Amino acid sequence: MATPTGYTCFDVTESDNIAHVVMNRPDDFNSMTVEFWSELPAIINDISDRGAARAIVLSSTGKHFCAGMDLGVFTSPNALNADNDVEVGRARSQLRLTVLRLQESFTALEKARMPVLAAIQGGCIGGGIDMVTAADMRYATTDAYFTIQEINIGMTADVGTLQRLPKLIPEGLAREFAYTGEKLPAQRAYELGLVNRLYDDHESMVEGVLAIAATIAKKSPLAVMGSKRMINFGRDHTVQDGLEYIATWQTGMFQPDDMLESFTAMGEKRDPKFQDLPEVRNEL
């Protein structure tokens, strides 16, 4: 089922409990325009809040997955540039809030109640790495590569790469790529565990990633959500903190109905049927 969007940077469809979010500016290598930064979190938050999807696939179009920040963002008067009439301390405080807002555009992937699977072809450059490191899993074509481009243009990456990448690959290697700006080829990314699987071409990758999403969609969405929350929490806390959290989570969230349905479905040799996650109501 197609979802009406009106978005300038994305196409969004939902079918069989899978939401497919596609970056749709191939002629511009899917660079991140001003609109991108508001559209992405709006899309992800909407999918997460409605709860009908049980997995989100984030893919792209054209030669490259994403070329990073569009140059127009740097020159937009309403984006990164401060008002010259504003006192410098106040202007810098506003810039800080802008960076935090950009960070939240990708943190939305982490906060989504269902897993996000990123399918990457060609170049994943600059902000593209910030984005995919916030996803749950990454898949790539054999010709894909990753570049922390910010260091090559005289700036420090600031919307997630330096915080998340060292949690995904050895820290020393994350530092090397952050300091040198050299390309990380898909095969090496796979060997390091940044990428889960490699595919020969874009079409087979998207097909394969959608198949993985379909497998996830057959599981209890409450159990999958709990698994995502526990893994994210455990990444940022001690083992003991994580054990305490899962004990508290299970006290409130564990319900035997989904387990009973799982065993019944196995006995009847059919797919289990689970309730969707409830819609999040943001208004009283």
Protein backbone atom coordinates (compact mmCIF):
# COMPACT_ATOMS: atom_id res chain seq x y z
CA MET A 1 0.00 0.00 0.00
CA ALA A 2 1.43 3.38 -0.98
CA THR A 3 1.52 6.02 1.70
CA PRO A 4 0.76 9.60 0.57
CA THR A 5 3.73 11.75 1.42
CA GLY A 6 4.34 14.97 -0.48
CA TYR A 7 7.99 14.55 0.52
CA THR A 8 10.71 15.97 -1.70
CA CYS A 9 13.50 13.58 -0.69
CA PHE A 10 11.70 10.29 -0.04
CA ASP A 11 9.17 7.80 -1.33
CA VAL A 12 7.41 5.75 1.34
CA THR A 13 5.40 2.55 0.93
CA GLU A 14 4.02 0.07 3.44
CA SER A 15 3.09 -3.53 2.71
CA ASP A 16 2.88 -6.72 4.78
CA ASN A 17 3.96 -4.90 7.95
CA ILE A 18 7.12 -3.54 6.29
CA ALA A 19 7.71 0.16 5.69
CA HIS A 20 10.06 0.93 2.80
CA VAL A 21 11.62 4.40 2.91
CA VAL A 22 13.49 5.25 -0.30
CA MET A 23 15.70 8.29 -0.89
CA ASN A 24 14.61 9.53 -4.30
CA ARG A 25 17.08 12.15 -5.55
CA PRO A 26 19.45 9.98 -7.63
CA ASP A 27 20.56 12.77 -9.97
CA ASP A 28 21.93 14.60 -6.92
CA PHE A 29 23.34 11.42 -5.37
CA ASN A 30 20.70 11.72 -2.64
CA SER A 31 22.52 14.56 -0.93
CA MET A 32 20.89 15.85 2.23
CA THR A 33 19.04 19.07 1.50
CA VAL A 34 17.40 21.34 4.06
CA GLU A 35 14.12 19.45 3.52
CA PHE A 36 15.80 16.10 4.14
CA TRP A 37 16.50 16.90 7.77
CA SER A 38 12.86 17.52 8.63
CA GLU A 39 11.35 14.89 6.34
CA LEU A 40 13.37 11.91 7.61
CA PRO A 41 12.42 12.17 11.29
CA ALA A 42 8.83 13.01 10.37
CA ILE A 43 8.61 9.82 8.30
CA ILE A 44 10.32 7.57 10.85
CA ASN A 45 8.41 8.98 13.80
CA ASP A 46 5.10 8.59 11.96
CA ILE A 47 5.83 4.95 11.09
CA SER A 48 6.94 4.23 14.65
CA ASP A 49 3.95 5.98 16.23
CA ARG A 50 1.37 4.24 14.04
CA GLY A 51 2.81 0.84 14.91
CA ALA A 52 1.49 -1.05 11.88
CA ALA A 53 4.96 -1.66 10.44
CA ARG A 54 7.19 -4.19 12.17
CA ALA A 55 10.38 -3.35 10.28
CA ILE A 56 11.64 -0.35 8.30
CA VAL A 57 13.88 -0.71 5.25
CA LEU A 58 15.86 2.40 4.32
CA SER A 59 17.23 2.26 0.78
CA SER A 60 18.22 4.62 -1.99
CA THR A 61 18.25 5.15 -5.74
CA GLY A 62 20.88 5.74 -8.40
CA LYS A 63 24.64 5.29 -8.35
CA HIS A 64 25.25 6.33 -4.76
CA PHE A 65 23.37 5.70 -1.53
CA CYS A 66 24.07 9.20 -0.20
CA ALA A 67 26.64 11.89 -0.96
CA GLY A 68 26.23 13.54 2.43
CA MET A 69 25.23 17.11 3.18
CA ASP A 70 24.01 19.12 0.21
CA LEU A 71 26.09 22.27 -0.27
CA GLY A 72 22.90 24.33 -0.21
CA VAL A 73 22.52 23.60 3.50
CA PHE A 74 25.77 25.40 4.27
CA THR A 75 24.59 28.52 2.46
CA SER A 76 20.99 28.53 3.64
CA PRO A 77 20.32 31.55 5.87
CA ASN A 78 17.90 29.52 7.96
CA ALA A 79 20.11 26.48 8.44
CA LEU A 80 23.73 26.64 9.60
CA ASN A 81 24.49 30.32 9.14
CA ALA A 82 24.00 32.64 12.05
CA ASP A 83 22.31 36.01 11.79
CA ASN A 84 25.03 38.67 11.66
CA ASP A 85 22.85 41.01 13.70
CA VAL A 86 22.79 38.61 16.67
CA GLU A 87 25.43 38.85 19.41
CA VAL A 88 28.09 36.17 18.86
CA GLY A 89 27.41 34.12 22.01
CA ARG A 90 23.70 33.99 21.23
CA ALA A 91 24.39 33.11 17.61
CA ARG A 92 26.69 30.26 18.63
CA SER A 93 24.09 28.96 21.07
CA GLN A 94 21.59 28.87 18.21
CA LEU A 95 24.06 26.95 16.04
CA ARG A 96 24.48 24.40 18.83
CA LEU A 97 20.71 23.87 18.91
CA THR A 98 20.73 23.45 15.12
CA VAL A 99 23.36 20.70 15.35
CA LEU A 100 21.37 18.97 18.09
CA ARG A 101 18.29 19.11 15.86
CA LEU A 102 20.21 17.55 12.98
CA GLN A 103 21.42 14.81 15.32
CA GLU A 104 17.84 14.03 16.28
CA SER A 105 17.00 13.43 12.62
CA PHE A 106 19.16 10.28 12.78
CA THR A 107 18.50 9.41 16.40
CA ALA A 108 14.90 8.91 15.26
CA LEU A 109 16.12 5.69 13.61
CA GLU A 110 17.44 4.46 16.95
CA LYS A 111 14.31 5.50 18.82
CA ALA A 112 11.88 3.85 16.37
CA ARG A 113 9.97 1.02 18.00
CA MET A 114 10.84 -1.36 15.16
CA PRO A 115 14.21 -2.25 13.59
CA VAL A 116 15.62 -0.13 10.77
CA LEU A 117 17.57 -1.97 8.04
CA ALA A 118 19.79 0.16 5.77
CA ALA A 119 20.51 -1.05 2.20
CA ILE A 120 23.59 0.74 0.82
CA GLN A 121 24.90 0.94 -2.75
CA GLY A 122 27.80 2.99 -4.11
CA GLY A 123 29.06 5.80 -1.93
CA CYS A 124 27.90 6.28 1.65
CA ILE A 125 29.62 9.56 2.33
CA GLY A 126 29.73 12.02 5.21
CA GLY A 127 26.24 12.35 6.64
CA GLY A 128 25.37 9.04 5.02
CA ILE A 129 27.53 7.29 7.60
CA ASP A 130 25.94 9.32 10.39
CA MET A 131 22.60 8.01 9.16
CA VAL A 132 23.34 4.32 8.65
CA THR A 133 25.23 3.92 11.91
CA ALA A 134 21.96 4.88 13.64
CA ALA A 135 20.19 1.99 11.89
CA ASP A 136 19.92 -1.44 13.49
CA MET A 137 21.64 -3.28 10.63
CA ARG A 138 23.47 -2.39 7.44
CA TYR A 139 23.65 -4.30 4.13
CA ALA A 140 25.67 -3.30 1.08
CA THR A 141 26.46 -4.03 -2.53
CA THR A 142 30.00 -5.17 -3.30
CA ASP A 143 30.78 -1.81 -4.93
CA ALA A 144 29.73 0.21 -1.88
CA TYR A 145 32.16 2.23 0.20
CA PHE A 146 32.09 4.46 3.26
CA THR A 147 33.92 7.77 3.71
CA ILE A 148 33.97 10.07 6.73
CA GLN A 149 34.11 13.01 4.37
CA GLU A 150 33.94 15.76 6.98
CA ILE A 151 37.67 15.53 7.77
CA ASN A 152 38.41 16.05 4.06
CA ILE A 153 36.60 19.40 4.05
CA GLY A 154 38.08 20.73 7.28
CA MET A 155 35.45 19.89 9.87
CA THR A 156 34.69 17.34 12.56
CA ALA A 157 31.80 14.96 11.91
CA ASP A 158 29.07 16.08 14.28
CA VAL A 159 25.79 14.19 13.82
CA GLY A 160 26.58 10.69 15.03
CA THR A 161 29.42 8.95 13.17
CA LEU A 162 32.08 9.56 15.82
CA GLN A 163 29.76 8.42 18.59
CA ARG A 164 28.31 5.30 16.95
CA LEU A 165 30.96 3.97 14.58
CA PRO A 166 33.43 3.05 17.38
CA LYS A 167 30.64 0.92 18.87
CA LEU A 168 30.34 -1.00 15.59
CA ILE A 169 33.96 -1.53 14.52
CA PRO A 170 37.25 -1.56 16.48
CA GLU A 171 37.92 1.90 17.90
CA GLY A 172 41.39 2.16 16.41
CA LEU A 173 40.05 1.60 12.92
CA ALA A 174 37.20 4.05 13.48
CA ARG A 175 39.81 6.60 14.49
CA GLU A 176 41.90 5.86 11.39
CA PHE A 177 38.98 6.43 9.03
CA ALA A 178 37.89 9.54 10.97
CA TYR A 179 41.37 11.07 10.88
CA THR A 180 42.34 10.17 7.29
CA GLY A 181 39.05 10.40 5.40
CA GLU A 182 40.04 7.29 3.43
CA LYS A 183 37.46 5.00 1.86
CA LEU A 184 36.28 1.89 3.70
CA PRO A 185 35.37 -0.60 0.94
CA ALA A 186 32.32 -2.83 1.34
CA GLN A 187 34.34 -6.03 1.67
CA ARG A 188 36.41 -4.58 4.51
CA ALA A 189 33.28 -3.16 6.13
CA TYR A 190 31.80 -6.65 6.01
CA GLU A 191 34.92 -8.17 7.55
CA LEU A 192 34.79 -5.61 10.37
CA GLY A 193 31.10 -6.28 11.06
CA LEU A 194 29.83 -2.86 10.00
CA VAL A 195 27.90 -4.56 7.19
CA ASN A 196 25.91 -7.75 7.82
CA ARG A 197 25.79 -9.09 4.25
CA LEU A 198 27.06 -8.21 0.80
CA TYR A 199 25.11 -8.43 -2.46
CA ASP A 200 26.23 -8.37 -6.08
CA ASP A 201 23.94 -5.55 -7.14
CA HIS A 202 21.37 -3.05 -5.93
CA GLU A 203 18.31 -5.02 -7.03
CA SER A 204 19.32 -8.23 -5.29
CA MET A 205 20.28 -6.28 -2.18
CA VAL A 206 16.93 -4.54 -1.82
CA GLU A 207 15.15 -7.84 -2.46
CA GLY A 208 17.33 -9.58 0.12
CA VAL A 209 16.93 -6.89 2.76
CA LEU A 210 13.16 -6.83 2.30
CA ALA A 211 13.20 -10.61 2.81
CA ILE A 212 15.08 -10.17 6.10
CA ALA A 213 12.56 -7.52 7.12
CA ALA A 214 9.75 -9.96 6.27
CA THR A 215 11.27 -12.53 8.63
CA ILE A 216 11.40 -9.93 11.41
CA ALA A 217 7.80 -8.92 10.65
CA LYS A 218 6.64 -12.46 11.47
CA LYS A 219 7.95 -12.23 15.03
CA SER A 220 6.14 -10.72 18.00
CA PRO A 221 6.49 -6.95 17.50
CA LEU A 222 6.51 -6.45 21.27
CA ALA A 223 9.37 -8.95 21.68
CA VAL A 224 11.30 -7.34 18.81
CA MET A 225 10.80 -3.88 20.27
CA GLY A 226 12.02 -5.15 23.64
CA SER A 227 15.09 -6.72 22.02
CA LYS A 228 15.94 -3.45 20.28
CA ARG A 229 15.55 -1.47 23.49
CA MET A 230 17.72 -3.89 25.45
CA ILE A 231 20.54 -3.94 22.88
CA ASN A 232 20.58 -0.14 22.60
CA PHE A 233 20.49 0.24 26.38
CA GLY A 234 23.21 -2.36 26.89
CA ARG A 235 25.49 -0.59 24.41
CA ASP A 236 25.46 2.54 26.55
CA HIS A 237 25.40 0.99 30.06
CA THR A 238 27.09 -1.67 32.15
CA VAL A 239 26.09 -5.32 31.98
CA GLN A 240 24.55 -5.05 35.45
CA ASP A 241 22.54 -1.98 34.41
CA GLY A 242 21.26 -3.93 31.41
CA LEU A 243 20.27 -6.91 33.56
CA GLU A 244 18.37 -4.64 35.91
CA TYR A 245 16.60 -2.98 32.99
CA ILE A 246 15.48 -6.23 31.34
CA ALA A 247 14.18 -7.49 34.69
CA THR A 248 12.07 -4.36 35.06
CA TRP A 249 10.99 -4.48 31.40
CA GLN A 250 9.84 -8.10 31.67
CA THR A 251 7.89 -7.32 34.81
CA GLY A 252 5.70 -4.93 32.83
CA MET A 253 5.97 -5.98 29.18
CA PHE A 254 6.21 -9.76 29.18
CA GLN A 255 2.84 -11.28 28.40
CA PRO A 256 2.30 -15.01 27.74
CA ASP A 257 -0.19 -14.56 24.87
CA ASP A 258 2.50 -14.03 22.22
CA MET A 259 4.49 -17.01 23.49
CA LEU A 260 1.37 -19.18 23.45
CA GLU A 261 0.61 -18.07 19.88
CA SER A 262 4.19 -18.88 18.85
CA PHE A 263 3.97 -22.44 20.18
CA THR A 264 0.48 -22.94 18.74
CA ALA A 265 1.59 -21.73 15.30
CA MET A 266 4.59 -24.07 15.35
CA GLY A 267 2.34 -26.98 16.23
CA GLU A 268 -0.09 -26.08 13.45
CA LYS A 269 2.75 -25.42 10.96
CA ARG A 270 1.65 -21.87 10.18
CA ASP A 271 2.95 -18.35 10.68
CA PRO A 272 2.00 -16.87 14.05
CA LYS A 273 -0.41 -13.95 14.18
CA PHE A 274 0.37 -11.14 16.58
CA GLN A 275 -1.30 -7.85 17.39
CA ASP A 276 0.43 -4.78 16.00
CA LEU A 277 2.02 -2.38 18.42
CA PRO A 278 -0.59 0.09 19.65
CA GLU A 279 -0.65 3.48 18.04
CA VAL A 280 1.13 6.14 20.05
CA ARG A 281 -1.34 8.88 20.86
CA ASN A 282 0.43 12.21 21.03
CA GLU A 283 -2.68 14.22 21.79
CA LEU A 284 -5.04 13.91 24.74
